[in-house]
C-alpha atoms as a PDB file:
ATOM      1  CA  MET A   1      94.102 268.120 269.742  1.00  0.00           C
ATOM      2  CA  ALA A   2      94.406 270.757 272.455  1.00  0.00           C
ATOM      3  CA  TYR A   3      91.790 273.484 272.228  1.00  0.00           C
ATOM      4  CA  PRO A   4      93.560 276.809 271.530  1.00  0.00           C
ATOM      5  CA  GLN A   5      93.845 278.911 274.683  1.00  0.00           C
ATOM      6  CA  LYS A   6      93.395 282.088 272.628  1.00  0.00           C
ATOM      7  CA  LEU A   7      89.774 281.032 271.973  1.00  0.00           C
ATOM      8  CA  LEU A   8      88.942 280.941 275.673  1.00  0.00           C
ATOM      9  CA  SER A   9      87.587 283.890 277.651  1.00  0.00           C
ATOM     10  CA  ASP A  10      89.375 285.335 280.676  1.00  0.00           C
ATOM     11  CA  GLY A  11      89.007 282.940 283.587  1.00  0.00           C
ATOM     12  CA  GLU A  12      87.749 280.127 281.361  1.00  0.00           C
ATOM     13  CA  THR A  13      89.471 276.770 281.650  1.00  0.00           C
ATOM     14  CA  VAL A  14      89.079 273.526 279.727  1.00  0.00           C
ATOM     15  CA  VAL A  15      87.632 270.754 281.898  1.00  0.00           C
ATOM     16  CA  HIS A  16      87.121 268.028 279.268  1.00  0.00           C
ATOM     17  CA  GLU A  17      88.371 267.799 275.724  1.00  0.00           C
ATOM     18  CA  MET A  18      87.445 264.837 273.571  1.00  0.00           C
ATOM     19  CA  ARG A  19      86.534 263.588 270.144  1.00  0.00           C
ATOM     20  CA  PRO A  20      83.851 261.039 269.323  1.00  0.00           C
ATOM     21  CA  HIS A  21      84.370 257.579 270.811  1.00  0.00           C
ATOM     22  CA  TRP A  22      86.512 255.216 268.706  1.00  0.00           C
ATOM     23  CA  ARG A  23      83.356 253.171 268.183  1.00  0.00           C
ATOM     24  CA  ALA A  24      82.536 255.596 265.354  1.00  0.00           C
ATOM     25  CA  LEU A  25      85.433 253.988 263.446  1.00  0.00           C
ATOM     26  CA  VAL A  26      84.223 250.378 263.636  1.00  0.00           C
ATOM     27  CA  PHE A  27      82.198 250.431 260.422  1.00  0.00           C
ATOM     28  CA  PRO A  28      84.805 252.429 258.453  1.00  0.00           C
ATOM     29  CA  ALA A  29      87.460 249.892 259.509  1.00  0.00           C
ATOM     30  CA  PHE A  30      85.157 247.040 258.511  1.00  0.00           C
ATOM     31  CA  TRP A  31      84.573 248.598 255.080  1.00  0.00           C
ATOM     32  CA  LEU A  32      88.296 249.238 254.633  1.00  0.00           C
ATOM     33  CA  ILE A  33      89.069 245.547 255.163  1.00  0.00           C
ATOM     34  CA  VAL A  34      86.160 244.277 253.039  1.00  0.00           C
ATOM     35  CA  ILE A  35      86.736 246.641 250.112  1.00  0.00           C
ATOM     36  CA  ALA A  36      90.509 246.205 250.078  1.00  0.00           C
ATOM     37  CA  GLY A  37      90.157 242.429 250.206  1.00  0.00           C
ATOM     38  CA  ALA A  38      87.425 242.242 247.560  1.00  0.00           C
ATOM     39  CA  ALA A  39      89.222 244.674 245.249  1.00  0.00           C
ATOM     40  CA  SER A  40      92.498 242.790 245.564  1.00  0.00           C
ATOM     41  CA  TYR A  41      90.810 239.478 244.882  1.00  0.00           C
ATOM     42  CA  LEU A  42      88.818 240.793 241.900  1.00  0.00           C
ATOM     43  CA  ALA A  43      91.799 242.663 240.435  1.00  0.00           C
ATOM     44  CA  ALA A  44      93.873 239.476 240.601  1.00  0.00           C
ATOM     45  CA  LYS A  45      91.133 237.374 238.987  1.00  0.00           C
ATOM     46  CA  VAL A  46      90.298 239.752 236.117  1.00  0.00           C
ATOM     47  CA  ASP A  47      92.302 239.209 232.942  1.00  0.00           C
ATOM     48  CA  ASN A  48      91.219 242.408 231.191  1.00  0.00           C
ATOM     49  CA  SER A  49      93.395 245.349 232.282  1.00  0.00           C
ATOM     50  CA  GLY A  50      90.630 247.853 231.483  1.00  0.00           C
ATOM     51  CA  LEU A  51      88.199 246.009 233.715  1.00  0.00           C
ATOM     52  CA  ARG A  52      90.888 245.747 236.384  1.00  0.00           C
ATOM     53  CA  TRP A  53      91.209 249.557 236.416  1.00  0.00           C
ATOM     54  CA  ILE A  54      87.425 249.899 236.698  1.00  0.00           C
ATOM     55  CA  VAL A  55      87.417 247.531 239.691  1.00  0.00           C
ATOM     56  CA  LEU A  56      90.258 249.435 241.343  1.00  0.00           C
ATOM     57  CA  GLY A  57      88.656 252.800 240.585  1.00  0.00           C
ATOM     58  CA  LEU A  58      85.332 251.686 242.049  1.00  0.00           C
ATOM     59  CA  ALA A  59      87.150 250.309 245.096  1.00  0.00           C
ATOM     60  CA  LEU A  60      88.923 253.648 245.551  1.00  0.00           C
ATOM     61  CA  VAL A  61      85.646 255.586 245.388  1.00  0.00           C
ATOM     62  CA  LEU A  62      84.042 253.209 247.894  1.00  0.00           C
ATOM     63  CA  LEU A  63      87.063 253.449 250.207  1.00  0.00           C
ATOM     64  CA  ILE A  64      86.925 257.224 250.173  1.00  0.00           C
ATOM     65  CA  TRP A  65      83.181 257.272 250.757  1.00  0.00           C
ATOM     66  CA  LEU A  66      82.929 254.510 253.383  1.00  0.00           C
ATOM     67  CA  ALA A  67      86.296 254.681 255.184  1.00  0.00           C
ATOM     68  CA  VAL A  68      88.304 257.853 254.548  1.00  0.00           C
ATOM     69  CA  ILE A  69      85.521 260.437 254.926  1.00  0.00           C
ATOM     70  CA  PRO A  70      84.169 258.910 258.172  1.00  0.00           C
ATOM     71  CA  PHE A  71      87.720 258.773 259.565  1.00  0.00           C
ATOM     72  CA  MET A  72      88.399 262.386 258.585  1.00  0.00           C
ATOM     73  CA  THR A  73      85.069 263.426 260.126  1.00  0.00           C
ATOM     74  CA  TRP A  74      86.007 261.605 263.334  1.00  0.00           C
ATOM     75  CA  ILE A  75      89.460 263.139 263.538  1.00  0.00           C
ATOM     76  CA  SER A  76      88.168 266.648 262.816  1.00  0.00           C
ATOM     77  CA  SER A  77      85.364 266.519 265.413  1.00  0.00           C
ATOM     78  CA  GLN A  78      86.064 268.005 268.796  1.00  0.00           C
ATOM     79  CA  TYR A  79      83.956 268.346 271.946  1.00  0.00           C
ATOM     80  CA  VAL A  80      85.195 270.727 274.621  1.00  0.00           C
ATOM     81  CA  ILE A  81      83.641 271.414 278.000  1.00  0.00           C
ATOM     82  CA  THR A  82      84.953 274.399 279.882  1.00  0.00           C
ATOM     83  CA  ASN A  83      83.951 275.880 283.205  1.00  0.00           C
ATOM     84  CA  ARG A  84      81.786 278.366 281.231  1.00  0.00           C
ATOM     85  CA  ARG A  85      80.459 276.643 278.084  1.00  0.00           C
ATOM     86  CA  ILE A  86      80.088 273.571 275.911  1.00  0.00           C
ATOM     87  CA  ILE A  87      81.849 273.778 272.554  1.00  0.00           C
ATOM     88  CA  THR A  88      81.443 271.492 269.545  1.00  0.00           C
ATOM     89  CA  ARG A  89      83.488 271.706 266.354  1.00  0.00           C
ATOM     90  CA  SER A  90      83.317 269.398 263.344  1.00  0.00           C
ATOM     91  CA  GLY A  91      83.843 269.291 259.614  1.00  0.00           C
ATOM     92  CA  ILE A  92      86.563 268.398 257.179  1.00  0.00           C
ATOM     93  CA  LEU A  93      86.643 271.273 254.702  1.00  0.00           C
ATOM     94  CA  ALA A  94      83.748 273.386 255.924  1.00  0.00           C
ATOM     95  CA  ARG A  95      83.720 273.676 259.712  1.00  0.00           C
ATOM     96  CA  ARG A  96      80.645 273.754 261.922  1.00  0.00           C
ATOM     97  CA  GLY A  97      80.697 274.879 265.491  1.00  0.00           C
ATOM     98  CA  ARG A  98      78.326 275.459 268.306  1.00  0.00           C
ATOM     99  CA  ASP A  99      78.888 277.023 271.705  1.00  0.00           C
ATOM    100  CA  MET A 100      76.406 276.932 274.553  1.00  0.00           C
ATOM    101  CA  PRO A 101      77.043 278.907 277.720  1.00  0.00           C
ATOM    102  CA  LEU A 102      76.489 276.816 280.837  1.00  0.00           C
ATOM    103  CA  SER A 103      74.160 279.574 282.047  1.00  0.00           C
ATOM    104  CA  LYS A 104      71.727 278.600 279.254  1.00  0.00           C
ATOM    105  CA  VAL A 105      71.644 274.885 280.147  1.00  0.00           C
ATOM    106  CA  ASN A 106      68.201 273.727 281.292  1.00  0.00           C
ATOM    107  CA  ASP A 107      68.598 269.963 281.167  1.00  0.00           C
ATOM    108  CA  VAL A 108      71.356 267.450 280.490  1.00  0.00           C
ATOM    109  CA  SER A 109      70.388 263.901 279.617  1.00  0.00           C
ATOM    110  CA  PHE A 110      72.090 260.909 278.083  1.00  0.00           C
ATOM    111  CA  THR A 111      71.000 257.820 276.221  1.00  0.00           C
ATOM    112  CA  TYR A 112      72.786 254.665 275.265  1.00  0.00           C
ATOM    113  CA  GLY A 113      71.710 251.308 273.988  1.00  0.00           C
ATOM    114  CA  VAL A 114      73.130 247.865 274.584  1.00  0.00           C
ATOM    115  CA  ILE A 115      75.920 248.274 272.012  1.00  0.00           C
ATOM    116  CA  ASP A 116      76.774 251.727 273.389  1.00  0.00           C
ATOM    117  CA  ARG A 117      77.033 250.273 276.899  1.00  0.00           C
ATOM    118  CA  LEU A 118      79.421 247.589 275.661  1.00  0.00           C
ATOM    119  CA  PHE A 119      81.649 250.271 274.152  1.00  0.00           C
ATOM    120  CA  GLY A 120      81.261 252.734 277.046  1.00  0.00           C
ATOM    121  CA  CYS A 121      79.777 255.587 275.063  1.00  0.00           C
ATOM    122  CA  GLY A 122      76.429 257.232 274.351  1.00  0.00           C
ATOM    123  CA  THR A 123      74.639 260.398 273.303  1.00  0.00           C
ATOM    124  CA  ILE A 124      74.423 263.563 275.387  1.00  0.00           C
ATOM    125  CA  ASP A 125      71.432 265.879 274.915  1.00  0.00           C
ATOM    126  CA  VAL A 126      71.901 269.342 276.398  1.00  0.00           C
ATOM    127  CA  GLN A 127      68.730 271.428 276.327  1.00  0.00           C
ATOM    128  CA  SER A 128      69.056 275.181 276.188  1.00  0.00           C
ATOM    129  CA  ALA A 129      67.063 277.992 277.765  1.00  0.00           C
ATOM    130  CA  GLY A 130      67.582 280.037 274.606  1.00  0.00           C
ATOM    131  CA  GLU A 131      65.645 280.111 271.366  1.00  0.00           C
ATOM    132  CA  ASN A 132      68.072 277.737 269.648  1.00  0.00           C
ATOM    133  CA  GLN A 133      67.699 274.016 269.974  1.00  0.00           C
ATOM    134  CA  GLY A 134      69.948 272.206 272.386  1.00  0.00           C
ATOM    135  CA  ILE A 135      73.146 270.425 271.548  1.00  0.00           C
ATOM    136  CA  VAL A 136      73.069 266.704 270.797  1.00  0.00           C
ATOM    137  CA  ILE A 137      76.484 265.047 270.854  1.00  0.00           C
ATOM    138  CA  ALA A 138      76.720 261.428 269.682  1.00  0.00           C
ATOM    139  CA  ASN A 139      79.406 258.859 270.527  1.00  0.00           C
ATOM    140  CA  VAL A 140      80.530 260.568 273.726  1.00  0.00           C
ATOM    141  CA  PRO A 141      83.036 258.474 275.680  1.00  0.00           C
ATOM    142  CA  HIS A 142      82.077 257.870 279.345  1.00  0.00           C
ATOM    143  CA  VAL A 143      78.691 259.465 278.721  1.00  0.00           C
ATOM    144  CA  GLU A 144      77.377 259.207 282.298  1.00  0.00           C
ATOM    145  CA  ASP A 145      80.494 260.853 283.737  1.00  0.00           C
ATOM    146  CA  ILE A 146      80.310 263.657 281.190  1.00  0.00           C
ATOM    147  CA  GLN A 147      76.589 264.198 281.908  1.00  0.00           C
ATOM    148  CA  ARG A 148      77.282 264.508 285.649  1.00  0.00           C
ATOM    149  CA  GLU A 149      80.246 266.799 284.997  1.00  0.00           C
ATOM    150  CA  ILE A 150      78.148 269.162 282.848  1.00  0.00           C
ATOM    151  CA  ALA A 151      75.477 269.274 285.565  1.00  0.00           C
ATOM    152  CA  ARG A 152      78.138 269.988 288.203  1.00  0.00           C
ATOM    153  CA  LEU A 153      79.755 272.718 286.103  1.00  0.00           C
ATOM    154  CA  HIS A 154      76.338 274.268 285.466  1.00  0.00           C
ATOM    155  CA  GLU A 155      75.708 274.446 289.215  1.00  0.00           C
ATOM    156  CA  GLU A 156      79.154 275.977 289.823  1.00  0.00           C
ATOM    157  CA  ASP A 157      78.602 278.511 287.048  1.00  0.00           C
ATOM    158  CA  ASP A 158      75.178 279.362 288.461  1.00  0.00           C
ATOM    159  CA  ALA A 159      76.655 279.865 291.950  1.00  0.00           C
ATOM    160  CA  ARG A 160      79.465 282.009 290.523  1.00  0.00           C
ATOM    161  CA  ARG A 161      76.970 284.221 288.676  1.00  0.00           C
ATOM    162  CA  ARG A 162      74.801 284.583 291.836  1.00  0.00           C
ATOM    163  CA  ARG A 163      77.883 285.731 293.770  1.00  0.00           C
ATOM    164  CA  GLY A 164      78.453 288.363 291.102  1.00  0.00           C
ATOM    165  CA  GLY A 165      81.580 286.833 289.581  1.00  0.00           C
ATOM    166  CA  PRO A 166      82.609 287.725 286.038  1.00  0.00           C
ATOM    167  CA  SER A 167      80.619 286.031 283.310  1.00  0.00           C
ATOM    168  CA  ALA A 168      82.067 284.338 280.239  1.00  0.00           C
ATOM    169  CA  GLY A 169      81.756 287.500 278.176  1.00  0.00           C
ATOM    170  CA  ASP A 170      83.155 289.949 280.726  1.00  0.00           C
ATOM    171  CA  VAL A 171      86.671 291.296 280.405  1.00  0.00           C
ATOM    172  CA  GLN A 172      88.611 291.523 283.633  1.00  0.00           C
END
């Protein structure tokens, strides 16, 4: 899952690299077990082979929709925090990505409910100084640590820019 070094600017280093918390897979795993069990039971009980194929076909569609697609979305989602920016990438066939330079960060907050606290994850909301909306990242593992790390990196980036160090877009 390593973020390709060729996509980083000069002097940019990866600080955190993660995908959504495994909690995002709880419901897909539940549906996998329920659908596989129900389909097996119904296919064994049905005497008509045509109806059996309909049951199995419906089970396959439900498995793809409720288990396979969420798993593929989870495995193809990537959150990267570097010393210069926050990067999100997701999507199975069509990819979506968003980068936010740390210099544009105005506010970093997190939220998590009771269930999130039990699993040790939450949602990060990074507000931007630019015209675009901020970045909202759900199911972030160790959400409080990540929130503090983004704030710390923002301060370091701000201090580096005040000293006149190279910015993320500069070539050295």
